[in-house]
Amino acid sequence: MNCGGYGQCGTCIVEIVEGMENLSPLTEVEKRKLKNKPDNYRLACQTLVNGPVTVKTKP
């Protein structure tokens, strides 16, 4: 499934290993979709990267 970057399907969930400080704040879509996930999980389609970040895909 793919939602075209609207944050609805969840197939782009990634675990942030390093660099959380280099990411944009959580969007409202992410807050709803990730409410039962660890704090270091993000939706790649909703996240702006502003510096070095290490991620784990398909956590």
N, C-alpha and C. Protein backbone atom coordinates (compact mmCIF):
# COMPACT_ATOMS: atom_id res chain seq x y z
N MET A 1 0.85 -1.17 0.00
CA MET A 1 0.00 0.00 0.00
C MET A 1 0.90 1.24 0.00
N ASN A 2 0.46 2.27 -0.66
CA ASN A 2 1.20 3.52 -0.69
C ASN A 2 0.21 4.66 -0.75
N CYS A 3 0.37 5.64 0.12
CA CYS A 3 -0.59 6.74 0.21
C CYS A 3 -0.14 7.98 -0.54
N GLY A 4 0.98 7.91 -1.24
CA GLY A 4 1.45 9.06 -2.00
C GLY A 4 2.04 10.17 -1.15
N GLY A 5 2.51 9.84 0.04
CA GLY A 5 3.16 10.83 0.90
C GLY A 5 2.24 11.58 1.84
N TYR A 6 1.02 11.09 2.02
CA TYR A 6 0.06 11.76 2.90
C TYR A 6 0.07 11.24 4.33
N GLY A 7 0.93 10.25 4.63
CA GLY A 7 1.06 9.76 5.99
C GLY A 7 -0.06 8.85 6.45
N GLN A 8 -0.80 8.27 5.55
CA GLN A 8 -1.95 7.45 5.91
C GLN A 8 -1.66 5.96 5.99
N CYS A 9 -0.74 5.45 5.18
CA CYS A 9 -0.56 4.00 5.10
C CYS A 9 0.45 3.45 6.12
N GLY A 10 1.44 4.24 6.50
CA GLY A 10 2.43 3.79 7.47
C GLY A 10 3.54 2.92 6.92
N THR A 11 3.61 2.73 5.61
CA THR A 11 4.66 1.88 5.05
C THR A 11 6.04 2.51 5.11
N CYS A 12 6.12 3.80 5.40
CA CYS A 12 7.42 4.48 5.44
C CYS A 12 7.90 4.73 6.87
N ILE A 13 7.36 4.02 7.85
CA ILE A 13 7.82 4.19 9.23
C ILE A 13 9.29 3.80 9.32
N VAL A 14 10.08 4.67 9.93
CA VAL A 14 11.50 4.40 10.15
C VAL A 14 11.82 4.65 11.62
N GLU A 15 12.87 3.98 12.09
CA GLU A 15 13.39 4.20 13.44
C GLU A 15 14.59 5.12 13.32
N ILE A 16 14.59 6.21 14.06
CA ILE A 16 15.70 7.15 14.04
C ILE A 16 16.74 6.65 15.04
N VAL A 17 17.92 6.30 14.55
CA VAL A 17 19.00 5.79 15.39
C VAL A 17 19.82 6.94 15.95
N GLU A 18 20.12 7.92 15.10
CA GLU A 18 20.88 9.11 15.50
C GLU A 18 20.35 10.31 14.75
N GLY A 19 20.43 11.48 15.37
CA GLY A 19 20.12 12.72 14.69
C GLY A 19 18.71 13.25 14.85
N MET A 20 18.00 12.84 15.89
CA MET A 20 16.63 13.34 16.11
C MET A 20 16.58 14.86 16.11
N GLU A 21 17.66 15.48 16.57
CA GLU A 21 17.69 16.94 16.65
C GLU A 21 17.73 17.60 15.26
N ASN A 22 17.99 16.82 14.25
CA ASN A 22 18.06 17.34 12.88
C ASN A 22 16.77 17.12 12.08
N LEU A 23 15.69 16.78 12.77
CA LEU A 23 14.42 16.52 12.10
C LEU A 23 13.39 17.60 12.44
N SER A 24 12.47 17.79 11.52
CA SER A 24 11.36 18.71 11.76
C SER A 24 10.49 18.17 12.90
N PRO A 25 9.71 19.05 13.54
CA PRO A 25 8.79 18.57 14.58
C PRO A 25 7.77 17.59 14.00
N LEU A 26 7.22 16.74 14.86
CA LEU A 26 6.18 15.81 14.43
C LEU A 26 4.99 16.56 13.85
N THR A 27 4.47 16.05 12.75
CA THR A 27 3.25 16.62 12.19
C THR A 27 2.05 16.05 12.95
N GLU A 28 0.89 16.65 12.79
CA GLU A 28 -0.32 16.12 13.41
C GLU A 28 -0.63 14.72 12.89
N VAL A 29 -0.37 14.48 11.62
CA VAL A 29 -0.57 13.15 11.03
C VAL A 29 0.32 12.14 11.74
N GLU A 30 1.59 12.48 11.96
CA GLU A 30 2.52 11.57 12.65
C GLU A 30 2.07 11.32 14.08
N LYS A 31 1.63 12.35 14.76
CA LYS A 31 1.19 12.18 16.15
C LYS A 31 0.07 11.16 16.24
N ARG A 32 -0.86 11.21 15.30
CA ARG A 32 -1.96 10.24 15.29
C ARG A 32 -1.49 8.85 14.89
N LYS A 33 -0.69 8.77 13.83
CA LYS A 33 -0.28 7.47 13.29
C LYS A 33 0.71 6.74 14.20
N LEU A 34 1.53 7.49 14.93
CA LEU A 34 2.61 6.90 15.72
C LEU A 34 2.33 6.90 17.22
N LYS A 35 1.09 7.15 17.64
CA LYS A 35 0.81 7.33 19.06
C LYS A 35 1.17 6.11 19.92
N ASN A 36 1.18 4.92 19.36
CA ASN A 36 1.53 3.71 20.12
C ASN A 36 2.92 3.18 19.78
N LYS A 37 3.73 4.00 19.13
CA LYS A 37 5.08 3.61 18.72
C LYS A 37 6.11 4.34 19.60
N PRO A 38 7.35 3.84 19.64
CA PRO A 38 8.40 4.53 20.39
C PRO A 38 8.62 5.96 19.88
N ASP A 39 9.14 6.82 20.74
CA ASP A 39 9.35 8.23 20.40
C ASP A 39 10.32 8.45 19.25
N ASN A 40 11.17 7.47 18.97
CA ASN A 40 12.16 7.65 17.90
C ASN A 40 11.67 7.08 16.55
N TYR A 41 10.39 6.81 16.41
CA TYR A 41 9.82 6.39 15.13
C TYR A 41 9.23 7.61 14.43
N ARG A 42 9.42 7.67 13.11
CA ARG A 42 8.88 8.77 12.31
C ARG A 42 8.33 8.22 11.00
N LEU A 43 7.49 9.00 10.37
CA LEU A 43 7.04 8.70 9.01
C LEU A 43 7.96 9.45 8.07
N ALA A 44 8.68 8.72 7.24
CA ALA A 44 9.65 9.35 6.34
C ALA A 44 8.98 10.36 5.41
N CYS A 45 7.77 10.09 5.00
CA CYS A 45 7.08 10.99 4.06
C CYS A 45 6.66 12.31 4.69
N GLN A 46 6.67 12.38 6.01
CA GLN A 46 6.21 13.58 6.71
C GLN A 46 7.35 14.34 7.37
N THR A 47 8.57 13.81 7.30
CA THR A 47 9.70 14.35 8.06
C THR A 47 10.66 15.11 7.16
N LEU A 48 11.00 16.32 7.57
CA LEU A 48 12.03 17.10 6.88
C LEU A 48 13.35 16.90 7.61
N VAL A 49 14.40 16.61 6.87
CA VAL A 49 15.72 16.36 7.43
C VAL A 49 16.57 17.61 7.23
N ASN A 50 17.16 18.11 8.33
CA ASN A 50 17.94 19.34 8.30
C ASN A 50 19.41 19.13 8.64
N GLY A 51 19.86 17.88 8.66
CA GLY A 51 21.24 17.56 9.00
C GLY A 51 21.42 16.06 9.01
N PRO A 52 22.58 15.59 9.49
CA PRO A 52 22.87 14.15 9.48
C PRO A 52 21.88 13.35 10.34
N VAL A 53 21.40 12.26 9.79
CA VAL A 53 20.46 11.38 10.48
C VAL A 53 20.77 9.94 10.07
N THR A 54 20.72 9.02 11.03
CA THR A 54 20.85 7.60 10.75
C THR A 54 19.51 6.95 11.06
N VAL A 55 18.98 6.18 10.10
CA VAL A 55 17.69 5.54 10.28
C VAL A 55 17.79 4.04 10.06
N LYS A 56 16.85 3.33 10.66
CA LYS A 56 16.68 1.89 10.41
C LYS A 56 15.32 1.75 9.73
N THR A 57 15.32 1.15 8.54
CA THR A 57 14.06 0.97 7.83
C THR A 57 13.39 -0.32 8.27
N LYS A 58 12.10 -0.36 8.14
CA LYS A 58 11.27 -1.51 8.52
C LYS A 58 11.59 -2.00 9.93
N PRO A 59 11.44 -1.09 10.90
CA PRO A 59 11.76 -1.48 12.30
C PRO A 59 10.82 -2.53 12.85
